[in-house]
Protein backbone atom coordinates (compact mmCIF):
# COMPACT_ATOMS: atom_id res chain seq x y z
CA MET A 1 -0.74 3.46 -37.50
CA GLY A 2 -0.64 -0.32 -36.91
CA LYS A 3 0.61 -2.16 -33.87
CA THR A 4 4.29 -3.03 -33.49
CA LYS A 5 4.99 -6.57 -34.71
CA ILE A 6 5.76 -8.77 -31.74
CA THR A 7 8.52 -11.32 -32.26
CA GLU A 8 9.03 -14.56 -30.36
CA ASP A 9 10.11 -14.15 -26.71
CA THR A 10 9.37 -10.44 -26.40
CA TYR A 11 10.10 -9.54 -22.76
CA LEU A 12 8.38 -6.68 -20.93
CA VAL A 13 8.96 -5.67 -17.32
CA GLY A 14 6.35 -4.02 -15.14
CA ILE A 15 5.43 -4.11 -11.46
CA GLY A 16 4.66 -7.55 -10.11
CA VAL A 17 1.80 -6.99 -7.65
CA SER A 18 0.46 -10.50 -7.14
CA PRO A 19 2.85 -13.48 -7.18
CA GLY A 20 2.53 -16.58 -9.31
CA ILE A 21 3.02 -17.65 -12.91
CA SER A 22 0.27 -17.93 -15.49
CA ILE A 23 0.51 -19.19 -19.06
CA GLY A 24 -2.29 -18.68 -21.57
CA GLU A 25 -3.82 -16.49 -24.25
CA ILE A 26 -4.69 -12.81 -24.06
CA SER A 27 -8.21 -11.46 -23.72
CA LEU A 28 -7.93 -7.74 -24.54
CA VAL A 29 -10.45 -5.42 -22.90
CA ASP A 30 -9.51 -1.89 -23.81
CA GLN A 31 -12.52 0.16 -24.83
CA ARG A 32 -11.90 3.60 -23.33
CA PRO A 33 -14.36 6.51 -23.45
CA PHE A 34 -13.77 9.34 -25.93
CA ILE A 35 -14.15 12.81 -24.41
CA ASP A 36 -15.67 15.46 -26.68
CA GLU A 37 -14.23 18.78 -25.45
CA ALA A 38 -16.62 21.02 -27.40
CA LEU A 39 -18.09 23.89 -25.35
CA ILE A 40 -21.81 24.00 -24.62
CA GLY A 41 -24.21 26.93 -24.74
CA GLN A 42 -25.63 28.75 -21.69
CA ASP A 43 -29.01 27.15 -22.35
CA GLU A 44 -27.46 23.65 -22.07
CA ILE A 45 -25.88 24.06 -18.63
CA ASP A 46 -28.84 22.81 -16.58
CA THR A 47 -29.26 19.83 -18.91
CA GLU A 48 -25.57 18.88 -18.53
CA ILE A 49 -25.72 19.19 -14.73
CA LEU A 50 -28.78 16.92 -14.73
CA ARG A 51 -26.99 14.45 -17.02
CA PHE A 52 -24.01 14.41 -14.62
CA HIS A 53 -26.26 13.70 -11.61
CA GLN A 54 -28.02 10.92 -13.51
CA ALA A 55 -24.62 9.36 -14.26
CA VAL A 56 -23.72 9.54 -10.56
CA ASP A 57 -26.99 7.84 -9.61
CA LEU A 58 -26.49 5.09 -12.19
CA ALA A 59 -22.88 4.53 -11.07
CA LYS A 60 -24.11 4.04 -7.48
CA LYS A 61 -26.71 1.50 -8.67
CA GLN A 62 -24.03 -0.39 -10.63
CA LEU A 63 -21.73 -0.54 -7.61
CA GLN A 64 -24.58 -1.61 -5.30
CA LYS A 65 -25.44 -4.41 -7.73
CA ILE A 66 -21.80 -5.57 -7.82
CA LYS A 67 -21.70 -5.35 -4.03
CA GLN A 68 -24.73 -7.67 -3.77
CA THR A 69 -23.04 -10.20 -6.05
CA VAL A 70 -19.70 -9.99 -4.24
CA SER A 71 -21.33 -10.36 -0.80
CA ARG A 72 -22.34 -13.90 -1.80
CA GLN A 73 -18.68 -14.86 -2.31
CA PRO A 74 -17.00 -15.61 1.07
CA HIS A 75 -13.45 -15.00 -0.21
CA LEU A 76 -14.37 -11.45 -1.28
CA ARG A 77 -16.62 -10.26 1.56
CA GLU A 78 -13.67 -8.80 3.46
CA HIS A 79 -13.08 -6.40 0.54
CA LEU A 80 -16.59 -4.95 0.34
CA TYR A 81 -15.25 -1.81 2.01
CA ILE A 82 -13.54 -0.94 -1.29
CA LEU A 83 -16.91 -0.71 -3.04
CA ASP A 84 -18.25 1.28 -0.09
CA THR A 85 -15.32 3.67 -0.54
CA HIS A 86 -16.20 4.13 -4.22
CA ILE A 87 -19.84 4.83 -3.35
CA LEU A 88 -18.65 7.43 -0.80
CA ILE A 89 -16.48 9.07 -3.48
CA LEU A 90 -19.60 9.42 -5.63
CA ASP A 91 -21.14 11.41 -2.76
CA ASP A 92 -18.06 13.57 -2.24
CA ASP A 93 -18.97 17.28 -2.10
CA MET A 94 -15.75 18.34 -3.82
CA LEU A 95 -16.41 15.98 -6.74
CA ILE A 96 -20.04 17.02 -7.15
CA GLN A 97 -19.69 20.76 -6.55
CA ASN A 98 -16.49 21.22 -8.55
CA THR A 99 -17.95 19.33 -11.53
CA GLU A 100 -21.13 21.44 -11.42
CA GLU A 101 -18.98 24.60 -11.31
CA ALA A 102 -16.95 23.41 -14.30
CA ILE A 103 -20.17 22.74 -16.25
CA ARG A 104 -21.28 26.30 -15.49
CA GLN A 105 -18.07 27.40 -17.24
CA GLN A 106 -19.69 25.90 -20.39
CA LEU A 107 -17.90 22.56 -20.34
CA ASN A 108 -19.98 19.51 -21.13
CA ALA A 109 -20.43 16.99 -18.30
CA GLU A 110 -17.63 14.62 -19.36
CA SER A 111 -15.14 17.45 -19.99
CA ALA A 112 -16.04 19.05 -16.66
CA LEU A 113 -15.60 15.75 -14.83
CA THR A 114 -12.26 15.14 -16.56
CA LYS A 115 -11.05 18.56 -15.41
CA VAL A 116 -12.05 17.82 -11.80
CA LEU A 117 -10.47 14.36 -11.90
CA ASP A 118 -7.22 15.94 -13.09
CA GLN A 119 -7.35 18.24 -10.04
CA PHE A 120 -7.80 15.22 -7.77
CA ARG A 121 -4.89 13.43 -9.45
CA ALA A 122 -2.62 16.44 -8.94
CA LEU A 123 -3.55 16.44 -5.26
CA PHE A 124 -2.64 12.77 -4.89
CA ASP A 125 0.56 13.07 -6.91
CA ASP A 126 1.97 15.40 -4.25
CA ILE A 127 1.62 12.74 -1.54
CA GLU A 128 4.92 11.20 -0.44
CA ASP A 129 3.51 8.01 1.08
CA GLU A 130 3.18 5.48 -1.76
CA TYR A 131 0.30 3.67 -0.09
CA LEU A 132 -1.73 6.84 0.18
CA ARG A 133 -0.69 8.00 -3.28
CA GLU A 134 -2.16 4.80 -4.71
CA ARG A 135 -5.57 5.76 -3.32
CA ARG A 136 -5.69 7.95 -6.44
CA SER A 137 -6.56 4.77 -8.31
CA ASP A 138 -9.89 4.63 -6.46
CA VAL A 139 -10.76 8.12 -7.69
CA ASP A 140 -9.65 7.06 -11.19
CA ALA A 141 -11.89 3.99 -11.03
CA VAL A 142 -14.93 6.03 -10.02
CA GLY A 143 -14.13 8.67 -12.64
CA GLU A 144 -13.74 6.04 -15.37
CA ARG A 145 -17.11 4.53 -14.46
CA LEU A 146 -18.81 7.93 -14.68
CA LEU A 147 -17.11 8.76 -17.98
CA ARG A 148 -18.24 5.45 -19.48
CA ILE A 149 -21.81 6.23 -18.50
CA LEU A 150 -21.63 9.82 -19.82
CA THR A 151 -20.09 8.79 -23.15
CA GLY A 152 -22.34 5.77 -23.66
CA VAL A 153 -19.56 3.16 -23.45
CA SER A 154 -21.07 -0.05 -22.09
CA GLU A 155 -19.75 -1.71 -18.94
CA ARG A 156 -16.91 -4.12 -19.62
CA SER A 157 -18.14 -7.70 -19.18
CA ILE A 158 -15.02 -9.12 -17.54
CA GLY A 159 -17.17 -11.49 -15.53
CA LYS A 160 -18.41 -13.05 -18.77
CA ILE A 161 -15.06 -13.96 -20.32
CA GLY A 162 -15.63 -17.53 -21.38
CA SER A 163 -12.25 -19.16 -21.90
CA LYS A 164 -9.20 -19.57 -19.69
CA SER A 165 -7.29 -16.43 -20.53
CA LEU A 166 -5.16 -13.58 -19.25
CA VAL A 167 -6.90 -10.20 -19.20
CA VAL A 168 -5.03 -7.23 -20.66
CA ALA A 169 -6.43 -3.73 -20.05
CA HIS A 170 -5.31 -0.13 -19.83
CA ASP A 171 -6.46 -0.27 -16.20
CA LEU A 172 -8.80 -2.35 -14.06
CA SER A 173 -10.99 -1.07 -11.27
CA PRO A 174 -11.42 -3.01 -8.01
CA ALA A 175 -15.06 -3.62 -8.96
CA GLU A 176 -13.98 -5.23 -12.24
CA THR A 177 -11.33 -7.30 -10.48
CA MET A 178 -13.91 -8.58 -7.99
CA GLN A 179 -16.02 -9.86 -10.89
CA MET A 180 -13.25 -12.03 -12.29
CA ASP A 181 -14.10 -15.73 -12.41
CA ARG A 182 -10.97 -17.53 -11.21
CA SER A 183 -11.96 -20.70 -13.07
CA LYS A 184 -11.76 -18.76 -16.35
CA ILE A 185 -9.31 -15.91 -15.80
CA LEU A 186 -5.72 -16.89 -15.02
CA GLY A 187 -4.31 -13.43 -14.28
CA PHE A 188 -4.06 -9.92 -15.69
CA ILE A 189 -1.68 -7.24 -16.90
CA THR A 190 -2.33 -3.50 -17.28
CA ASP A 191 -0.77 -0.31 -18.60
CA LYS A 192 -1.46 1.53 -15.35
CA GLY A 193 -1.41 0.59 -11.68
CA GLY A 194 0.78 0.37 -8.61
CA ARG A 195 1.87 -2.11 -5.96
CA THR A 196 -0.47 -0.87 -3.22
CA SER A 197 -3.62 -0.09 -5.22
CA HIS A 198 -6.83 -1.81 -4.18
CA THR A 199 -6.82 -3.70 -7.48
CA ALA A 200 -3.39 -5.11 -6.59
CA ILE A 201 -4.59 -6.04 -3.09
CA LEU A 202 -7.59 -7.84 -4.60
CA ALA A 203 -5.39 -9.72 -7.06
CA ARG A 204 -3.37 -11.09 -4.14
CA SER A 205 -6.55 -12.10 -2.30
CA LEU A 206 -7.87 -13.86 -5.41
CA ASP A 207 -4.48 -15.58 -5.98
CA LEU A 208 -4.42 -14.12 -9.49
CA PRO A 209 -0.91 -13.44 -10.82
CA ALA A 210 -0.79 -9.82 -11.95
CA VAL A 211 1.67 -7.37 -13.47
CA VAL A 212 0.78 -3.66 -13.72
CA GLY A 213 2.43 -0.43 -14.81
CA LEU A 214 3.50 -1.70 -18.25
CA GLU A 215 2.56 1.69 -19.78
CA SER A 216 1.69 0.57 -23.32
CA VAL A 217 1.09 -3.18 -23.36
CA THR A 218 -2.45 -2.68 -24.72
CA ALA A 219 -0.93 -1.08 -27.83
CA LEU A 220 1.27 -4.12 -28.45
CA VAL A 221 -0.99 -7.13 -28.02
CA ASP A 222 -3.96 -8.72 -29.77
CA ASP A 223 -6.70 -11.08 -28.65
CA GLY A 224 -5.49 -14.68 -28.54
CA MET A 225 -1.76 -13.83 -28.39
CA PRO A 226 0.11 -16.37 -26.21
CA VAL A 227 1.66 -14.88 -23.09
CA ILE A 228 3.43 -15.76 -19.85
CA ILE A 229 3.20 -13.50 -16.81
CA ASP A 230 5.32 -13.77 -13.67
CA GLY A 231 3.64 -11.76 -10.92
CA SER A 232 6.59 -12.31 -8.59
CA THR A 233 9.18 -10.60 -10.80
CA GLY A 234 6.97 -8.36 -12.98
CA VAL A 235 8.13 -10.12 -16.16
CA VAL A 236 5.72 -10.56 -19.08
CA ILE A 237 6.72 -12.63 -22.13
CA LEU A 238 4.75 -12.21 -25.34
CA ARG A 239 4.78 -15.06 -27.86
CA PRO A 240 7.00 -17.34 -25.70
CA SER A 241 9.15 -19.88 -27.53
CA GLU A 242 8.87 -23.60 -26.79
CA ASP A 243 12.01 -23.52 -24.62
CA THR A 244 10.72 -20.52 -22.65
CA PHE A 245 7.35 -22.21 -22.24
CA LYS A 246 8.99 -25.33 -20.78
CA GLU A 247 11.22 -23.29 -18.46
CA TYR A 248 8.29 -21.32 -17.05
CA LEU A 249 6.14 -24.42 -16.72
CA LYS A 250 8.79 -25.83 -14.36
CA ARG A 251 8.92 -22.52 -12.45
CA LYS A 252 5.14 -22.52 -12.17
CA GLN A 253 5.12 -26.06 -10.72
CA HIS A 254 7.86 -25.12 -8.22
CA TYR A 255 5.99 -21.98 -7.15
CA GLU A 256 2.74 -23.88 -6.62
CA TYR A 257 4.53 -26.51 -4.50
CA LEU A 258 5.95 -23.76 -2.27
CA GLU A 259 2.55 -22.08 -1.98
CA HIS A 260 1.02 -25.35 -0.81
CA GLU A 261 3.81 -25.67 1.76
CA LEU A 262 3.00 -22.18 3.10
CA GLU A 263 -0.35 -23.41 4.41
CA CYS A 264 1.54 -25.56 6.91
CA TYR A 265 3.12 -22.44 8.45
CA ARG A 266 -0.03 -20.41 9.06
CA ASP A 267 -0.59 -21.26 12.72
CA LEU A 268 3.03 -21.83 13.68
CA PRO A 269 4.84 -19.20 15.77
CA THR A 270 7.59 -17.13 14.17
CA ILE A 271 10.60 -18.53 16.05
CA THR A 272 14.14 -18.90 14.70
CA THR A 273 15.97 -22.22 14.91
CA ASP A 274 17.77 -20.97 18.04
CA ASN A 275 14.42 -20.15 19.69
CA VAL A 276 14.27 -16.35 19.24
CA LYS A 277 10.70 -15.00 18.88
CA ILE A 278 9.99 -12.40 16.17
CA CYS A 279 6.58 -10.74 15.77
CA LEU A 280 4.99 -10.42 12.34
CA ARG A 281 2.32 -7.74 12.23
CA ALA A 282 0.15 -6.12 9.54
CA ASN A 283 0.14 -2.69 7.91
CA LEU A 284 -3.48 -1.50 7.54
CA GLU A 285 -5.49 1.61 6.76
CA ILE A 286 -9.11 0.46 7.17
CA SER A 287 -10.59 -1.86 9.81
CA SER A 288 -12.11 -4.16 7.17
CA GLU A 289 -8.62 -5.03 5.95
CA PHE A 290 -7.86 -6.83 9.21
CA GLN A 291 -9.78 -9.87 7.98
CA LEU A 292 -6.98 -10.41 5.46
CA ALA A 293 -4.47 -10.00 8.30
CA LEU A 294 -6.29 -12.66 10.31
CA LYS A 295 -6.24 -14.96 7.31
CA HIS A 296 -2.45 -14.79 7.35
CA ALA A 297 -2.16 -15.01 11.16
CA ALA A 298 -0.84 -11.49 11.75
CA GLU A 299 0.12 -10.75 15.35
CA GLY A 300 -1.79 -7.52 15.56
CA VAL A 301 -1.25 -4.30 13.64
CA GLY A 302 2.24 -2.82 13.45
CA LEU A 303 1.12 0.23 11.46
CA TYR A 304 -2.41 1.61 11.25
CA ARG A 305 -2.38 4.56 8.86
CA THR A 306 -4.97 7.08 10.01
CA GLU A 307 -4.66 9.32 6.93
CA PHE A 308 -7.51 7.58 5.12
CA LEU A 309 -9.93 9.07 7.67
CA PHE A 310 -8.82 12.57 6.62
CA LEU A 311 -8.41 12.05 2.90
CA GLY A 312 -10.45 14.05 0.37
CA ARG A 313 -12.68 15.79 2.90
CA ASN A 314 -13.79 19.36 3.35
CA GLU A 315 -13.28 19.13 7.11
CA PRO A 316 -11.42 16.75 9.44
CA PRO A 317 -13.19 13.78 11.04
CA CYS A 318 -14.53 14.50 14.53
CA GLU A 319 -13.26 12.79 17.66
CA GLU A 320 -16.17 10.36 17.76
CA GLU A 321 -15.70 9.24 14.16
CA GLN A 322 -12.03 8.56 14.78
CA PHE A 323 -12.78 6.78 18.08
CA GLN A 324 -15.25 4.44 16.36
CA ALA A 325 -12.77 3.66 13.57
CA TYR A 326 -10.02 2.75 16.03
CA CYS A 327 -12.36 0.65 18.18
CA GLU A 328 -13.52 -1.24 15.10
CA ILE A 329 -10.01 -2.62 14.60
CA LEU A 330 -9.47 -3.29 18.30
CA LYS A 331 -12.61 -5.44 18.38
CA GLN A 332 -10.92 -7.77 15.91
CA THR A 333 -7.37 -7.93 17.28
CA GLY A 334 -8.11 -9.33 20.75
CA GLU A 335 -4.97 -9.38 22.89
CA GLU A 336 -2.66 -8.32 20.05
CA PRO A 337 -1.59 -4.66 19.84
CA VAL A 338 -2.70 -2.05 17.34
CA THR A 339 -0.07 0.59 16.59
CA ILE A 340 -1.90 3.77 15.57
CA ARG A 341 0.25 6.28 13.70
CA THR A 342 -0.90 9.85 14.16
CA LEU A 343 -1.69 11.89 11.08
CA ASP A 344 1.17 11.71 8.56
CA ILE A 345 0.04 14.24 5.97
CA GLY A 346 0.75 17.83 5.13
CA GLY A 347 -1.21 20.97 4.42
CA ASP A 348 -4.35 21.38 2.36
CA LYS A 349 -3.39 18.47 0.15
CA PHE A 350 -5.92 16.61 2.33
CA VAL A 351 -8.15 18.80 4.44
CA SER A 352 -9.29 21.80 2.43
CA GLU A 353 -10.59 23.91 5.32
CA LEU A 354 -7.07 24.33 6.73
CA ASN A 355 -6.14 26.48 3.71
CA LEU A 356 -2.40 26.05 4.05
CA LYS A 357 -0.21 27.26 1.21
CA ASP A 358 1.36 24.97 -1.35
CA GLU A 359 5.00 24.24 -0.69
CA ALA A 360 7.90 24.19 -3.14
CA ASN A 361 9.31 21.03 -1.54
CA PRO A 362 6.49 19.25 0.35
CA ALA A 363 8.64 16.15 1.06
CA MET A 364 10.73 18.27 3.41
CA GLY A 365 8.05 20.71 4.44
CA LEU A 366 5.08 20.82 6.79
CA ARG A 367 4.25 17.13 7.04
CA GLY A 368 4.12 14.35 9.62
CA ILE A 369 4.57 15.46 13.20
CA ARG A 370 5.46 18.99 12.07
CA PHE A 371 1.94 19.38 10.72
CA SER A 372 0.36 17.98 13.90
CA LEU A 373 2.41 20.23 16.20
CA ARG A 374 1.36 23.25 14.15
CA GLU A 375 -2.30 22.19 14.03
CA GLU A 376 -2.38 21.44 17.77
CA GLN A 377 -6.16 21.32 18.15
CA LEU A 378 -6.45 18.81 15.33
CA PHE A 379 -3.66 16.80 17.02
CA LYS A 380 -5.41 16.86 20.39
CA VAL A 381 -8.68 15.62 18.88
CA GLN A 382 -6.86 12.65 17.38
CA LEU A 383 -4.98 11.91 20.62
CA ARG A 384 -8.25 12.01 22.58
CA ALA A 385 -9.79 9.49 20.17
CA ILE A 386 -6.74 7.20 20.39
CA LEU A 387 -6.59 7.38 24.19
CA ARG A 388 -10.31 6.65 24.52
CA ALA A 389 -9.88 3.67 22.19
CA SER A 390 -7.04 2.36 24.39
CA ALA A 391 -9.67 1.41 26.98
CA CYS A 392 -11.03 -1.09 24.42
CA GLY A 393 -7.78 -2.98 23.73
CA ARG A 394 -4.00 -2.82 23.40
CA VAL A 395 -3.05 0.42 21.67
CA ARG A 396 0.36 1.90 20.90
CA ILE A 397 0.78 5.50 19.69
CA LEU A 398 3.27 6.16 16.91
CA PHE A 399 4.49 9.67 16.02
CA PRO A 400 5.70 10.07 12.38
CA MET A 401 8.68 11.88 10.87
CA ILE A 402 10.49 12.70 14.10
CA SER A 403 13.76 14.58 13.58
CA GLY A 404 14.75 15.46 17.14
CA VAL A 405 14.21 15.06 20.88
CA ALA A 406 12.41 18.43 21.16
CA GLU A 407 9.62 17.16 18.87
CA VAL A 408 9.19 14.01 20.96
CA ARG A 409 8.95 16.01 24.17
CA ALA A 410 6.47 18.41 22.58
CA CYS A 411 4.29 15.43 21.58
CA LYS A 412 4.51 13.93 25.06
CA GLN A 413 3.59 17.26 26.63
CA ILE A 414 0.48 17.56 24.47
CA LEU A 415 -0.38 13.93 25.21
CA THR A 416 -0.10 14.64 28.94
CA GLU A 417 -2.42 17.64 28.57
CA VAL A 418 -4.99 15.47 26.81
CA GLN A 419 -4.68 12.77 29.48
CA THR A 420 -5.21 15.37 32.22
CA GLN A 421 -8.32 16.61 30.44
CA LEU A 422 -9.69 13.07 30.15
CA ASP A 423 -8.96 12.48 33.84
CA ARG A 424 -11.01 15.56 34.74
CA GLU A 425 -13.89 14.27 32.61
CA GLY A 426 -13.67 10.80 34.13
CA VAL A 427 -13.01 9.20 30.74
CA LYS A 428 -11.23 5.82 30.83
CA TYR A 429 -8.00 5.17 28.92
CA ASP A 430 -4.81 3.15 29.29
CA PRO A 431 -2.49 5.26 31.48
CA ASP A 432 0.47 3.05 30.50
CA ILE A 433 -0.07 3.36 26.76
CA SER A 434 3.15 2.76 24.79
CA ILE A 435 4.62 5.66 22.84
CA GLY A 436 6.79 5.13 19.78
CA ILE A 437 8.34 7.16 17.00
CA MET A 438 8.97 6.61 13.32
CA ILE A 439 12.66 6.57 12.43
CA GLU A 440 12.69 7.88 8.86
CA THR A 441 15.04 10.87 8.85
CA PRO A 442 18.86 10.83 8.95
CA SER A 443 18.82 13.08 12.02
CA ALA A 444 16.73 10.50 13.91
CA VAL A 445 19.29 7.83 13.01
CA ILE A 446 22.22 9.94 14.20
CA ILE A 447 20.63 10.65 17.59
CA ALA A 448 18.81 7.33 17.95
CA HIS A 449 20.56 6.70 21.29
CA LEU A 450 19.04 9.96 22.63
CA LEU A 451 15.58 9.31 21.18
CA ALA A 452 15.57 5.81 22.68
CA GLN A 453 15.58 7.37 26.16
CA GLU A 454 12.32 9.20 25.37
CA VAL A 455 10.05 6.46 24.01
CA ASP A 456 8.88 2.88 24.45
CA PHE A 457 9.64 1.60 20.95
CA PHE A 458 11.04 2.51 17.53
CA SER A 459 9.39 1.86 14.17
CA ILE A 460 11.64 2.23 11.12
CA GLY A 461 9.90 3.56 8.02
CA THR A 462 12.39 2.35 5.42
CA ASN A 463 10.62 3.91 2.42
CA ASP A 464 11.22 7.48 3.62
CA LEU A 465 14.48 6.68 5.40
CA ILE A 466 15.98 5.44 2.13
CA GLN A 467 14.88 8.43 0.06
CA TYR A 468 15.94 10.99 2.68
CA THR A 469 19.27 9.31 3.42
CA LEU A 470 20.19 8.87 -0.25
CA ALA A 471 18.57 12.17 -1.35
CA VAL A 472 16.54 10.29 -3.95
CA ASP A 473 12.97 10.88 -5.06
CA ARG A 474 12.01 7.43 -6.26
CA GLY A 475 9.09 8.97 -8.16
CA ASN A 476 11.62 10.86 -10.31
CA GLU A 477 12.45 8.74 -13.35
CA PHE A 478 15.90 10.32 -13.68
CA VAL A 479 17.13 9.28 -10.22
CA ALA A 480 14.80 6.43 -9.20
CA TYR A 481 17.55 3.91 -10.00
CA LEU A 482 19.50 5.33 -7.04
CA TYR A 483 16.74 4.34 -4.61
CA ASP A 484 18.45 1.30 -3.09
CA PRO A 485 17.42 -0.44 0.16
CA LEU A 486 20.73 -2.32 0.20
CA HIS A 487 22.96 0.74 -0.05
CA PRO A 488 25.73 0.37 2.60
CA ALA A 489 24.56 3.64 4.18
CA ILE A 490 21.09 2.15 4.72
CA ILE A 491 22.47 -1.09 6.21
CA ARG A 492 24.60 0.98 8.61
CA ALA A 493 21.68 3.26 9.46
CA LEU A 494 19.49 0.28 10.34
CA LYS A 495 22.29 -1.18 12.47
CA ALA A 496 22.76 2.10 14.36
CA VAL A 497 19.04 2.36 15.13
CA CYS A 498 18.79 -1.27 16.28
CA ASP A 499 21.90 -0.95 18.45
CA ALA A 500 20.48 2.16 20.13
CA ALA A 501 17.13 0.48 20.73
CA ASN A 502 18.67 -2.70 22.07
CA GLU A 503 21.00 -0.76 24.37
CA ALA A 504 17.98 1.12 25.78
CA GLY A 505 15.98 -2.08 26.11
CA ILE A 506 13.18 -1.07 23.75
CA PRO A 507 11.83 -3.08 20.79
CA VAL A 508 12.40 -1.95 17.23
CA CYS A 509 9.94 -2.61 14.40
CA ILE A 510 10.40 -2.23 10.65
CA CYS A 511 7.29 -1.23 8.69
CA GLY A 512 8.51 -0.20 5.22
CA GLU A 513 8.56 -2.35 2.09
CA MET A 514 11.79 -4.05 3.19
CA ALA A 515 9.83 -5.82 5.94
CA GLY A 516 7.76 -7.81 3.45
CA GLU A 517 10.70 -8.98 1.30
CA PRO A 518 11.59 -12.60 2.26
CA LEU A 519 15.06 -12.24 0.74
CA TYR A 520 15.91 -9.57 3.34
CA ALA A 521 14.43 -11.39 6.36
CA MET A 522 17.67 -12.97 7.61
CA ALA A 523 19.64 -9.73 7.31
CA LEU A 524 16.93 -7.72 9.12
CA ALA A 525 16.74 -10.26 11.94
CA GLY A 526 20.54 -10.17 12.22
CA LEU A 527 20.47 -6.38 12.49
CA GLY A 528 18.28 -6.69 15.58
CA ILE A 529 14.71 -6.15 14.34
CA HIS A 530 12.17 -7.51 16.84
CA GLU A 531 9.00 -6.86 14.84
CA PHE A 532 8.21 -6.88 11.11
CA SER A 533 5.06 -5.08 9.94
CA MET A 534 3.97 -5.57 6.35
CA ASN A 535 1.22 -6.14 3.83
CA PRO A 536 -0.64 -9.14 5.33
CA ALA A 537 -0.17 -11.23 2.18
CA CYS A 538 3.62 -11.15 2.70
CA ILE A 539 3.50 -12.63 6.22
CA PRO A 540 3.56 -16.37 5.34
CA ARG A 541 6.63 -16.05 3.11
CA VAL A 542 8.60 -14.03 5.65
CA LYS A 543 7.57 -16.43 8.43
CA ARG A 544 8.79 -19.43 6.44
CA VAL A 545 12.24 -17.88 6.07
CA LEU A 546 12.57 -16.75 9.70
CA ARG A 547 11.63 -20.21 11.00
CA LYS A 548 14.47 -21.72 8.98
CA ILE A 549 17.31 -19.42 10.06
CA SER A 550 19.32 -18.94 13.23
CA LYS A 551 19.41 -15.51 14.91
CA THR A 552 23.04 -16.09 15.91
CA GLU A 553 24.06 -16.95 12.36
CA ALA A 554 22.03 -14.00 11.08
CA GLU A 555 24.05 -11.66 13.31
CA LEU A 556 27.32 -13.09 11.97
CA PHE A 557 25.99 -12.68 8.43
CA VAL A 558 25.26 -8.99 9.08
CA GLU A 559 28.88 -8.47 10.07
CA LYS A 560 29.83 -9.58 6.54
CA LEU A 561 27.32 -7.17 5.00
CA LEU A 562 28.60 -4.23 7.06
CA ALA A 563 32.08 -4.73 5.62
CA LEU A 564 30.87 -4.37 2.01
CA PRO A 565 31.32 -0.94 0.34
CA VAL A 566 29.02 -1.31 -2.70
CA SER A 567 25.27 -2.00 -2.94
CA LYS A 568 25.75 -4.60 -5.65
CA ASP A 569 28.09 -6.55 -3.38
CA VAL A 570 25.50 -6.45 -0.58
CA ALA A 571 22.75 -7.65 -2.93
CA ASN A 572 24.88 -10.44 -4.39
CA THR A 573 26.00 -11.60 -0.94
CA ILE A 574 22.42 -11.75 0.35
CA ASP A 575 21.27 -13.57 -2.78
CA ARG A 576 24.06 -16.17 -2.57
CA GLU A 577 23.56 -16.73 1.16
CA MET A 578 19.81 -17.19 0.94
CA ARG A 579 20.03 -19.49 -2.08
CA ALA A 580 22.69 -21.59 -0.35
CA ARG A 581 20.74 -21.83 2.92
CA LEU A 582 17.24 -22.13 1.48
CA PRO A 583 17.42 -23.39 -2.14
CA GLU A 584 13.90 -24.80 -1.80
CA ILE A 585 12.64 -21.22 -1.41
CA PHE A 586 15.02 -19.05 -3.42
CA GLY A 587 16.39 -21.56 -5.94
CA GLN A 588 19.82 -23.11 -6.35
CA PRO A 589 22.90 -20.87 -5.93
CA LEU A 590 23.87 -19.14 -9.16
CA ILE A 591 27.34 -19.99 -10.49
């Protein structure tokens, strides 16, 4: 069956993961391995196991070779940890042992590996946190590399693409993205992918416009087809007309002017026009990522996700391993704080030795602080590591998914027990360490004034707060359209939390995706947010907006928003206000 005929100005919409506009011709790289599912004989099992191990060894050599090349490129050195992660996955006991076991069930090596990869994917699909869920893409990238080796499909030579073009692929691994020559490749689009995958993070670091998650774009396009991609909006236009070409050329020039202007803001403080200071911090999961945060002048770390330390292991990391990981970040942050969130995962989805049962509704089950309070010894080990690290720099502890005062007091009691133990041992730590809680459940919003009396700061996790408040699973295609950060209930929830925090005299941070959206910056500041924590690449754009608005006017603007009963009205009002105030950033007001 042939490809669908593409007419002039065919629009596709995916997920814009790296901003910018690129115009050029397609270079299609879509040679995927074919998996022969035929069973093998008993006498072939040892041969297939050997073939699998040889593929693993070759994959490691390939990644080490890429790592050597990348290490000579200063703009990519900070991302070498991604390749290290992929090499570690190749050594993962679960991957190796489970694949060997599947081969012993008379599956050939590639079929056995595919079966195990499917098990890994199912594990990741159950994760609520989008950032962690996207770590599945790293397993996919390693699996794809192994399958190419096993099936004899040669490595894709993305680094050798000769003309200025836009790469189109079913998916791209971080290793492939690192090999892109920016003088030849103008951007890329893929069938698969998500906003927080390592490939997306690399695209932003390389300043390559990228749109992912288009599902079937590889089935529609051909080599040499003209295309426009807008990585800011997720729009892809196949066979653009002359008028469309001219329109997007103007948009491209405007975008590049604004990007140049951003450089002027890097070292400026984030202060509103009426002299109110707002902190812009980074969301991180690995210490190596802080180099990107430094590049964008982040004021410390507003959310350090510790889950990556526990992910895909047969047993939890020991106290010393955690301590070293936390200290590694603190070495880089200097006087700025690092907010370490305690383990925000649930059950044996992560740590197999715990052997907890699967849950019918994991989003509302044993996760976040509920998991830590149940697994108290695991919790104490992590708290010991965090407290020990607090002697090395400014640390704040953040407890996730709090739903009531009793949970906070239980956490504080355990923390006190750990501190007492460290005192007995003569171990140094910060006795005045700040304690905060994630506000991401409706119950926490309703009793925010009570919770504020128990802690030193709030951190609002908007991603979960939105889905729990609106009863929407944004991963469910039938109701995802209801996931709306500008729903009046969400605006009111944010206002209630900020009012409670301000009344108690404690700072309130926002660390969900809303924090990194420049269009929302004025409204969030007007609600009373003191700190924004986001993907480091978003910091310059949010800073530019906050430096151009008045906190007093932002508060008056919020009063208008609170009076609106419909999400669409809220969105339109924000859009009009920001365009009118800052047309050089958001464009002229729409008529």
